[in-house]
Amino acid sequence: MFIAGFPAGPWGTNCYVVATGPGAECVVIDPGKDSAAGVDQVVREHRLKPVSVLVTHGHVDHMWCVAPVAGTYDATAWIHPADRHLLSDPMAGMSRETTQMLLGGDYSWAEPDDVRELYDLAELELAGLRFVVDHTPGHTEGSVTFRSPYPSTGPGHAADVSEVMFSGDLLFAGSIGRTDLPGGDHATMLRSLADKVLPLADDVVVLPGHGEQTSIGRERATNPFLQDLRQDH
């Protein structure tokens, strides 16, 4: 498995390009603001062909470039139906600070030509890869994570990693996603963490929407939010 990740835009949102290897089809996850050039660089350098764009949730810092990237490569965009309206009306999910920052700019958004909807526990077969979708509301109503099996053979592959999880803004190294934006709910976030994160194996690598990568084991042992949940369950 080939994974290239890079932070983009004013929010430092991590965009990921995932493929079975160089010269293959690929999947782009969360192309936020200013990420299109980074995607193009990775695609050109490794001779990849994007066929799908996966969106963990509809906030503008994660989906700003969904339509441009999907349109450039004739790729299919995937998003949970509860957040689909944000593809064309991202202001509905923004904070006052973000809205004020964008005021005065000439911005317009529209759905990509080909949009398909995600649902809980869906298994997507894309670009020779398998992704399991977990619906994890709390940060937004339509937040999801994507888990993919990680091969234990091949150059650079760690034998002690069973899966990688693209966690969006559900789980970060040492923290969890905020719940004070439209569509957010803290109690719902805690249920998502309890139901979808705590049961995972310690060796699952977490690739979050912001910040450094981590693992379920590390977060189970050190993340104060998960520690509190473990005590409550």
C-alpha atoms as a PDB file:
ATOM      1  CA  MET A   1       0.000   0.000   0.000  1.00  0.00           C
ATOM      2  CA  PHE A   2       1.208   3.467  -0.929  1.00  0.00           C
ATOM      3  CA  ILE A   3       0.049   6.422   1.186  1.00  0.00           C
ATOM      4  CA  ALA A   4       1.172  10.010   0.611  1.00  0.00           C
ATOM      5  CA  GLY A   5      -0.122  12.610   3.045  1.00  0.00           C
ATOM      6  CA  PHE A   6       0.491  16.333   3.227  1.00  0.00           C
ATOM      7  CA  PRO A   7      -1.025  19.298   5.125  1.00  0.00           C
ATOM      8  CA  ALA A   8      -2.631  21.957   2.960  1.00  0.00           C
ATOM      9  CA  GLY A   9      -4.254  25.338   3.309  1.00  0.00           C
ATOM     10  CA  PRO A  10      -4.673  27.771   6.196  1.00  0.00           C
ATOM     11  CA  TRP A  11      -6.091  25.058   8.454  1.00  0.00           C
ATOM     12  CA  GLY A  12      -3.260  22.601   7.815  1.00  0.00           C
ATOM     13  CA  THR A  13      -5.721  19.921   6.760  1.00  0.00           C
ATOM     14  CA  ASN A  14      -4.151  16.574   5.921  1.00  0.00           C
ATOM     15  CA  CYS A  15      -4.925  15.344   2.417  1.00  0.00           C
ATOM     16  CA  TYR A  16      -4.077  11.732   1.599  1.00  0.00           C
ATOM     17  CA  VAL A  17      -3.457   9.928  -1.685  1.00  0.00           C
ATOM     18  CA  VAL A  18      -3.746   6.146  -1.400  1.00  0.00           C
ATOM     19  CA  ALA A  19      -2.883   3.450  -3.957  1.00  0.00           C
ATOM     20  CA  THR A  20      -1.687  -0.121  -4.172  1.00  0.00           C
ATOM     21  CA  GLY A  21       1.612   1.207  -5.527  1.00  0.00           C
ATOM     22  CA  PRO A  22       3.210   3.439  -8.166  1.00  0.00           C
ATOM     23  CA  GLY A  23       1.608   3.476 -11.597  1.00  0.00           C
ATOM     24  CA  ALA A  24      -1.803   2.438 -10.267  1.00  0.00           C
ATOM     25  CA  GLU A  25      -5.235   3.928  -9.747  1.00  0.00           C
ATOM     26  CA  CYS A  26      -5.580   5.871  -6.507  1.00  0.00           C
ATOM     27  CA  VAL A  27      -8.033   7.378  -4.031  1.00  0.00           C
ATOM     28  CA  VAL A  28      -7.800  10.960  -2.721  1.00  0.00           C
ATOM     29  CA  ILE A  29      -9.065  11.594   0.819  1.00  0.00           C
ATOM     30  CA  ASP A  30     -10.112  15.058   2.034  1.00  0.00           C
ATOM     31  CA  PRO A  31      -8.738  17.456  -0.588  1.00  0.00           C
ATOM     32  CA  GLY A  32      -9.158  20.733   1.310  1.00  0.00           C
ATOM     33  CA  LYS A  33      -8.144  24.276   0.475  1.00  0.00           C
ATOM     34  CA  ASP A  34      -4.925  24.598  -1.546  1.00  0.00           C
ATOM     35  CA  SER A  35      -4.586  20.805  -1.843  1.00  0.00           C
ATOM     36  CA  ALA A  36      -5.107  20.440  -5.610  1.00  0.00           C
ATOM     37  CA  ALA A  37      -1.480  21.276  -6.433  1.00  0.00           C
ATOM     38  CA  GLY A  38      -0.235  18.761  -3.878  1.00  0.00           C
ATOM     39  CA  VAL A  39      -2.492  16.065  -5.282  1.00  0.00           C
ATOM     40  CA  ASP A  40      -1.236  16.830  -8.782  1.00  0.00           C
ATOM     41  CA  GLN A  41       2.381  16.597  -7.628  1.00  0.00           C
ATOM     42  CA  VAL A  42       1.874  13.201  -5.975  1.00  0.00           C
ATOM     43  CA  VAL A  43      -0.090  11.880  -8.956  1.00  0.00           C
ATOM     44  CA  ARG A  44       2.529  12.974 -11.457  1.00  0.00           C
ATOM     45  CA  GLU A  45       5.510  11.822  -9.412  1.00  0.00           C
ATOM     46  CA  HIS A  46       4.102   8.330  -8.866  1.00  0.00           C
ATOM     47  CA  ARG A  47       2.170   7.992 -12.152  1.00  0.00           C
ATOM     48  CA  LEU A  48      -1.180   7.565 -10.422  1.00  0.00           C
ATOM     49  CA  LYS A  49      -4.750   7.922 -11.683  1.00  0.00           C
ATOM     50  CA  PRO A  50      -7.326   9.213  -9.163  1.00  0.00           C
ATOM     51  CA  VAL A  51     -10.629   7.360  -9.540  1.00  0.00           C
ATOM     52  CA  SER A  52     -12.371   8.345  -6.292  1.00  0.00           C
ATOM     53  CA  VAL A  53     -12.411  11.214  -3.807  1.00  0.00           C
ATOM     54  CA  LEU A  54     -13.456  10.263  -0.260  1.00  0.00           C
ATOM     55  CA  VAL A  55     -14.711  12.946   2.121  1.00  0.00           C
ATOM     56  CA  THR A  56     -14.647  12.313   5.880  1.00  0.00           C
ATOM     57  CA  HIS A  57     -17.066  15.191   6.480  1.00  0.00           C
ATOM     58  CA  GLY A  58     -18.422  18.295   4.807  1.00  0.00           C
ATOM     59  CA  HIS A  59     -16.434  21.068   6.465  1.00  0.00           C
ATOM     60  CA  VAL A  60     -14.841  23.405   3.971  1.00  0.00           C
ATOM     61  CA  ASP A  61     -11.281  22.744   5.140  1.00  0.00           C
ATOM     62  CA  HIS A  62     -11.726  19.101   4.089  1.00  0.00           C
ATOM     63  CA  MET A  63     -13.761  19.467   0.891  1.00  0.00           C
ATOM     64  CA  TRP A  64     -12.730  22.804  -0.667  1.00  0.00           C
ATOM     65  CA  CYS A  65     -11.080  21.083  -3.642  1.00  0.00           C
ATOM     66  CA  VAL A  66     -13.374  18.053  -3.956  1.00  0.00           C
ATOM     67  CA  ALA A  67     -15.090  19.330  -7.106  1.00  0.00           C
ATOM     68  CA  PRO A  68     -11.873  20.555  -8.798  1.00  0.00           C
ATOM     69  CA  VAL A  69      -9.985  17.329  -8.034  1.00  0.00           C
ATOM     70  CA  ALA A  70     -12.908  15.090  -9.018  1.00  0.00           C
ATOM     71  CA  GLY A  71     -13.437  17.119 -12.181  1.00  0.00           C
ATOM     72  CA  THR A  72      -9.783  17.141 -13.200  1.00  0.00           C
ATOM     73  CA  TYR A  73      -9.454  13.356 -13.021  1.00  0.00           C
ATOM     74  CA  ASP A  74     -13.078  12.388 -13.802  1.00  0.00           C
ATOM     75  CA  ALA A  75     -13.276  10.794 -10.362  1.00  0.00           C
ATOM     76  CA  THR A  76     -16.285   9.872  -8.227  1.00  0.00           C
ATOM     77  CA  ALA A  77     -16.846  11.771  -4.972  1.00  0.00           C
ATOM     78  CA  TRP A  78     -18.127   9.943  -1.887  1.00  0.00           C
ATOM     79  CA  ILE A  79     -19.769  11.631   1.129  1.00  0.00           C
ATOM     80  CA  HIS A  80     -22.302  10.725   3.811  1.00  0.00           C
ATOM     81  CA  PRO A  81     -25.829  11.947   2.931  1.00  0.00           C
ATOM     82  CA  ALA A  82     -26.112  13.943   6.172  1.00  0.00           C
ATOM     83  CA  ASP A  83     -23.239  16.170   5.006  1.00  0.00           C
ATOM     84  CA  ARG A  84     -23.946  16.146   1.272  1.00  0.00           C
ATOM     85  CA  HIS A  85     -25.635  19.561   1.342  1.00  0.00           C
ATOM     86  CA  LEU A  86     -22.330  21.079   2.490  1.00  0.00           C
ATOM     87  CA  LEU A  87     -20.713  20.297  -0.873  1.00  0.00           C
ATOM     88  CA  SER A  88     -22.733  23.102  -2.434  1.00  0.00           C
ATOM     89  CA  ASP A  89     -23.407  25.191   0.707  1.00  0.00           C
ATOM     90  CA  PRO A  90     -20.318  24.903   2.943  1.00  0.00           C
ATOM     91  CA  MET A  91     -21.207  28.122   4.770  1.00  0.00           C
ATOM     92  CA  ALA A  92     -23.902  26.109   6.561  1.00  0.00           C
ATOM     93  CA  GLY A  93     -21.208  24.242   8.454  1.00  0.00           C
ATOM     94  CA  MET A  94     -18.797  27.088   9.188  1.00  0.00           C
ATOM     95  CA  SER A  95     -17.996  28.954  12.358  1.00  0.00           C
ATOM     96  CA  ARG A  96     -18.446  32.720  12.506  1.00  0.00           C
ATOM     97  CA  GLU A  97     -14.654  33.156  12.450  1.00  0.00           C
ATOM     98  CA  THR A  98     -14.258  31.089   9.295  1.00  0.00           C
ATOM     99  CA  THR A  99     -17.136  32.852   7.591  1.00  0.00           C
ATOM    100  CA  GLN A 100     -15.656  36.259   8.392  1.00  0.00           C
ATOM    101  CA  MET A 101     -12.267  35.143   7.104  1.00  0.00           C
ATOM    102  CA  LEU A 102     -13.808  34.176   3.775  1.00  0.00           C
ATOM    103  CA  LEU A 103     -16.059  37.201   3.406  1.00  0.00           C
ATOM    104  CA  GLY A 104     -15.048  39.392   0.509  1.00  0.00           C
ATOM    105  CA  GLY A 105     -13.650  36.487  -1.474  1.00  0.00           C
ATOM    106  CA  ASP A 106     -15.273  35.348  -4.698  1.00  0.00           C
ATOM    107  CA  TYR A 107     -16.008  31.762  -3.748  1.00  0.00           C
ATOM    108  CA  SER A 108     -18.505  29.395  -5.254  1.00  0.00           C
ATOM    109  CA  TRP A 109     -19.066  25.712  -4.690  1.00  0.00           C
ATOM    110  CA  ALA A 110     -20.984  23.036  -6.533  1.00  0.00           C
ATOM    111  CA  GLU A 111     -21.324  19.287  -6.323  1.00  0.00           C
ATOM    112  CA  PRO A 112     -18.989  17.233  -8.500  1.00  0.00           C
ATOM    113  CA  ASP A 113     -20.611  15.608 -11.507  1.00  0.00           C
ATOM    114  CA  ASP A 114     -20.593  12.151  -9.905  1.00  0.00           C
ATOM    115  CA  VAL A 115     -21.451  11.988  -6.178  1.00  0.00           C
ATOM    116  CA  ARG A 116     -22.235   8.784  -4.329  1.00  0.00           C
ATOM    117  CA  GLU A 117     -23.371   8.440  -0.743  1.00  0.00           C
ATOM    118  CA  LEU A 118     -21.698   6.555   2.081  1.00  0.00           C
ATOM    119  CA  TYR A 119     -23.397   4.574   4.812  1.00  0.00           C
ATOM    120  CA  ASP A 120     -22.309   2.882   8.013  1.00  0.00           C
ATOM    121  CA  LEU A 121     -20.280  -0.310   7.560  1.00  0.00           C
ATOM    122  CA  ALA A 122     -20.241   0.021   3.780  1.00  0.00           C
ATOM    123  CA  GLU A 123     -17.304  -1.756   2.151  1.00  0.00           C
ATOM    124  CA  LEU A 124     -15.907   0.122  -0.828  1.00  0.00           C
ATOM    125  CA  GLU A 125     -13.673  -1.559  -3.393  1.00  0.00           C
ATOM    126  CA  LEU A 126     -11.803   1.318  -5.016  1.00  0.00           C
ATOM    127  CA  ALA A 127      -8.509   1.401  -6.940  1.00  0.00           C
ATOM    128  CA  GLY A 128      -7.733  -2.151  -5.850  1.00  0.00           C
ATOM    129  CA  LEU A 129      -8.171  -1.192  -2.190  1.00  0.00           C
ATOM    130  CA  ARG A 130     -10.884  -1.958   0.343  1.00  0.00           C
ATOM    131  CA  PHE A 131     -12.272   0.712   2.651  1.00  0.00           C
ATOM    132  CA  VAL A 132     -14.711   0.067   5.483  1.00  0.00           C
ATOM    133  CA  VAL A 133     -16.875   3.087   6.280  1.00  0.00           C
ATOM    134  CA  ASP A 134     -17.786   3.873   9.889  1.00  0.00           C
ATOM    135  CA  HIS A 135     -20.416   6.553  10.445  1.00  0.00           C
ATOM    136  CA  THR A 136     -19.049   8.612  13.344  1.00  0.00           C
ATOM    137  CA  PRO A 137     -21.316  11.639  13.941  1.00  0.00           C
ATOM    138  CA  GLY A 138     -20.452  14.233  16.545  1.00  0.00           C
ATOM    139  CA  HIS A 139     -18.132  16.621  14.751  1.00  0.00           C
ATOM    140  CA  THR A 140     -20.742  16.834  11.997  1.00  0.00           C
ATOM    141  CA  GLU A 141     -23.868  14.757  11.481  1.00  0.00           C
ATOM    142  CA  GLY A 142     -22.334  13.042   8.464  1.00  0.00           C
ATOM    143  CA  SER A 143     -18.787  12.458   9.723  1.00  0.00           C
ATOM    144  CA  VAL A 144     -17.251   9.121   8.749  1.00  0.00           C
ATOM    145  CA  THR A 145     -13.934   7.343   9.043  1.00  0.00           C
ATOM    146  CA  PHE A 146     -12.350   4.994   6.529  1.00  0.00           C
ATOM    147  CA  ARG A 147     -10.471   1.844   7.555  1.00  0.00           C
ATOM    148  CA  SER A 148      -8.329  -0.109   5.123  1.00  0.00           C
ATOM    149  CA  PRO A 149      -6.400  -3.368   5.677  1.00  0.00           C
ATOM    150  CA  TYR A 150      -2.653  -2.833   5.710  1.00  0.00           C
ATOM    151  CA  PRO A 151      -0.609  -5.539   3.946  1.00  0.00           C
ATOM    152  CA  SER A 152       2.056  -7.103   6.136  1.00  0.00           C
ATOM    153  CA  THR A 153       4.361  -7.928   3.227  1.00  0.00           C
ATOM    154  CA  GLY A 154       6.299  -5.819   0.787  1.00  0.00           C
ATOM    155  CA  PRO A 155       8.920  -3.060   1.054  1.00  0.00           C
ATOM    156  CA  GLY A 156       8.321  -0.686   3.923  1.00  0.00           C
ATOM    157  CA  HIS A 157       5.323  -2.573   5.268  1.00  0.00           C
ATOM    158  CA  ALA A 158       5.192  -3.052   9.027  1.00  0.00           C
ATOM    159  CA  ALA A 159       4.127  -6.542  10.067  1.00  0.00           C
ATOM    160  CA  ASP A 160       2.577  -5.192  13.259  1.00  0.00           C
ATOM    161  CA  VAL A 161      -0.020  -2.961  11.583  1.00  0.00           C
ATOM    162  CA  SER A 162      -3.385  -4.553  10.763  1.00  0.00           C
ATOM    163  CA  GLU A 163      -5.270  -1.520   9.432  1.00  0.00           C
ATOM    164  CA  VAL A 164      -4.955   2.167   8.748  1.00  0.00           C
ATOM    165  CA  MET A 165      -7.812   4.471   9.705  1.00  0.00           C
ATOM    166  CA  PHE A 166      -8.376   7.844   8.101  1.00  0.00           C
ATOM    167  CA  SER A 167     -10.083   9.485  11.058  1.00  0.00           C
ATOM    168  CA  GLY A 168     -11.002  12.921   9.700  1.00  0.00           C
ATOM    169  CA  ASP A 169     -11.829  15.163  12.640  1.00  0.00           C
ATOM    170  CA  LEU A 170     -13.026  12.382  14.933  1.00  0.00           C
ATOM    171  CA  LEU A 171      -9.718  11.473  16.562  1.00  0.00           C
ATOM    172  CA  PHE A 172      -6.362  13.245  16.723  1.00  0.00           C
ATOM    173  CA  ALA A 173      -3.094  12.523  18.485  1.00  0.00           C
ATOM    174  CA  GLY A 174      -3.962  13.450  22.072  1.00  0.00           C
ATOM    175  CA  SER A 175      -7.354  14.971  21.310  1.00  0.00           C
ATOM    176  CA  ILE A 176     -10.711  14.650  19.562  1.00  0.00           C
ATOM    177  CA  GLY A 177     -12.704  16.810  17.162  1.00  0.00           C
ATOM    178  CA  ARG A 178     -14.516  19.950  18.249  1.00  0.00           C
ATOM    179  CA  THR A 179     -18.285  19.830  18.615  1.00  0.00           C
ATOM    180  CA  ASP A 180     -19.195  23.525  18.791  1.00  0.00           C
ATOM    181  CA  LEU A 181     -19.855  24.016  15.061  1.00  0.00           C
ATOM    182  CA  PRO A 182     -23.217  23.595  13.280  1.00  0.00           C
ATOM    183  CA  GLY A 183     -24.179  19.920  13.350  1.00  0.00           C
ATOM    184  CA  GLY A 184     -21.772  19.126  16.176  1.00  0.00           C
ATOM    185  CA  ASP A 185     -22.787  17.390  19.397  1.00  0.00           C
ATOM    186  CA  HIS A 186     -20.433  16.350  22.191  1.00  0.00           C
ATOM    187  CA  ALA A 187     -22.523  13.473  23.552  1.00  0.00           C
ATOM    188  CA  THR A 188     -22.843  12.064  20.022  1.00  0.00           C
ATOM    189  CA  MET A 189     -19.075  12.423  19.545  1.00  0.00           C
ATOM    190  CA  LEU A 190     -18.427  10.411  22.710  1.00  0.00           C
ATOM    191  CA  ARG A 191     -20.791   7.664  21.527  1.00  0.00           C
ATOM    192  CA  SER A 192     -18.968   7.496  18.194  1.00  0.00           C
ATOM    193  CA  LEU A 193     -15.638   7.178  19.974  1.00  0.00           C
ATOM    194  CA  ALA A 194     -16.981   4.500  22.315  1.00  0.00           C
ATOM    195  CA  ASP A 195     -18.678   2.496  19.565  1.00  0.00           C
ATOM    196  CA  LYS A 196     -16.232   2.912  16.671  1.00  0.00           C
ATOM    197  CA  VAL A 197     -12.793   3.629  18.168  1.00  0.00           C
ATOM    198  CA  LEU A 198     -12.461   1.814  21.484  1.00  0.00           C
ATOM    199  CA  PRO A 199     -13.206  -1.643  19.983  1.00  0.00           C
ATOM    200  CA  LEU A 200     -10.373  -1.328  17.437  1.00  0.00           C
ATOM    201  CA  ALA A 201      -7.051  -3.148  17.802  1.00  0.00           C
ATOM    202  CA  ASP A 202      -4.117  -1.280  19.307  1.00  0.00           C
ATOM    203  CA  ASP A 203      -2.051  -1.759  16.132  1.00  0.00           C
ATOM    204  CA  VAL A 204      -4.408   0.279  13.934  1.00  0.00           C
ATOM    205  CA  VAL A 205      -2.547   3.331  12.606  1.00  0.00           C
ATOM    206  CA  VAL A 206      -4.607   6.531  12.767  1.00  0.00           C
ATOM    207  CA  LEU A 207      -4.123   9.095   9.993  1.00  0.00           C
ATOM    208  CA  PRO A 208      -6.064  12.153  11.214  1.00  0.00           C
ATOM    209  CA  GLY A 209      -7.436  15.196   9.475  1.00  0.00           C
ATOM    210  CA  HIS A 210      -4.960  17.446  11.278  1.00  0.00           C
ATOM    211  CA  GLY A 211      -1.622  16.843  12.965  1.00  0.00           C
ATOM    212  CA  GLU A 212       0.621  13.830  13.233  1.00  0.00           C
ATOM    213  CA  GLN A 213      -0.253  10.186  12.789  1.00  0.00           C
ATOM    214  CA  THR A 214      -0.839   8.045  15.847  1.00  0.00           C
ATOM    215  CA  SER A 215      -2.248   4.621  16.742  1.00  0.00           C
ATOM    216  CA  ILE A 216      -5.266   3.296  18.574  1.00  0.00           C
ATOM    217  CA  GLY A 217      -2.997   1.799  21.230  1.00  0.00           C
ATOM    218  CA  ARG A 218      -1.231   5.087  21.839  1.00  0.00           C
ATOM    219  CA  GLU A 219      -4.492   6.994  22.056  1.00  0.00           C
ATOM    220  CA  ARG A 220      -6.105   4.379  24.281  1.00  0.00           C
ATOM    221  CA  ALA A 221      -3.187   4.770  26.691  1.00  0.00           C
ATOM    222  CA  THR A 222      -2.625   8.535  26.575  1.00  0.00           C
ATOM    223  CA  ASN A 223      -5.622  10.371  25.100  1.00  0.00           C
ATOM    224  CA  PRO A 224      -7.564  11.842  28.055  1.00  0.00           C
ATOM    225  CA  PHE A 225     -10.884  11.666  26.202  1.00  0.00           C
ATOM    226  CA  LEU A 226     -10.486   7.951  25.480  1.00  0.00           C
ATOM    227  CA  GLN A 227      -9.242   7.305  29.013  1.00  0.00           C
ATOM    228  CA  ASP A 228     -12.399   8.878  30.423  1.00  0.00           C
ATOM    229  CA  LEU A 229     -14.537   6.793  28.086  1.00  0.00           C
ATOM    230  CA  ARG A 230     -12.768   3.586  29.145  1.00  0.00           C
ATOM    231  CA  GLN A 231     -13.507   4.377  32.779  1.00  0.00           C
ATOM    232  CA  ASP A 232     -17.169   4.980  31.964  1.00  0.00           C
ATOM    233  CA  HIS A 233     -17.594   1.724  30.030  1.00  0.00           C
END
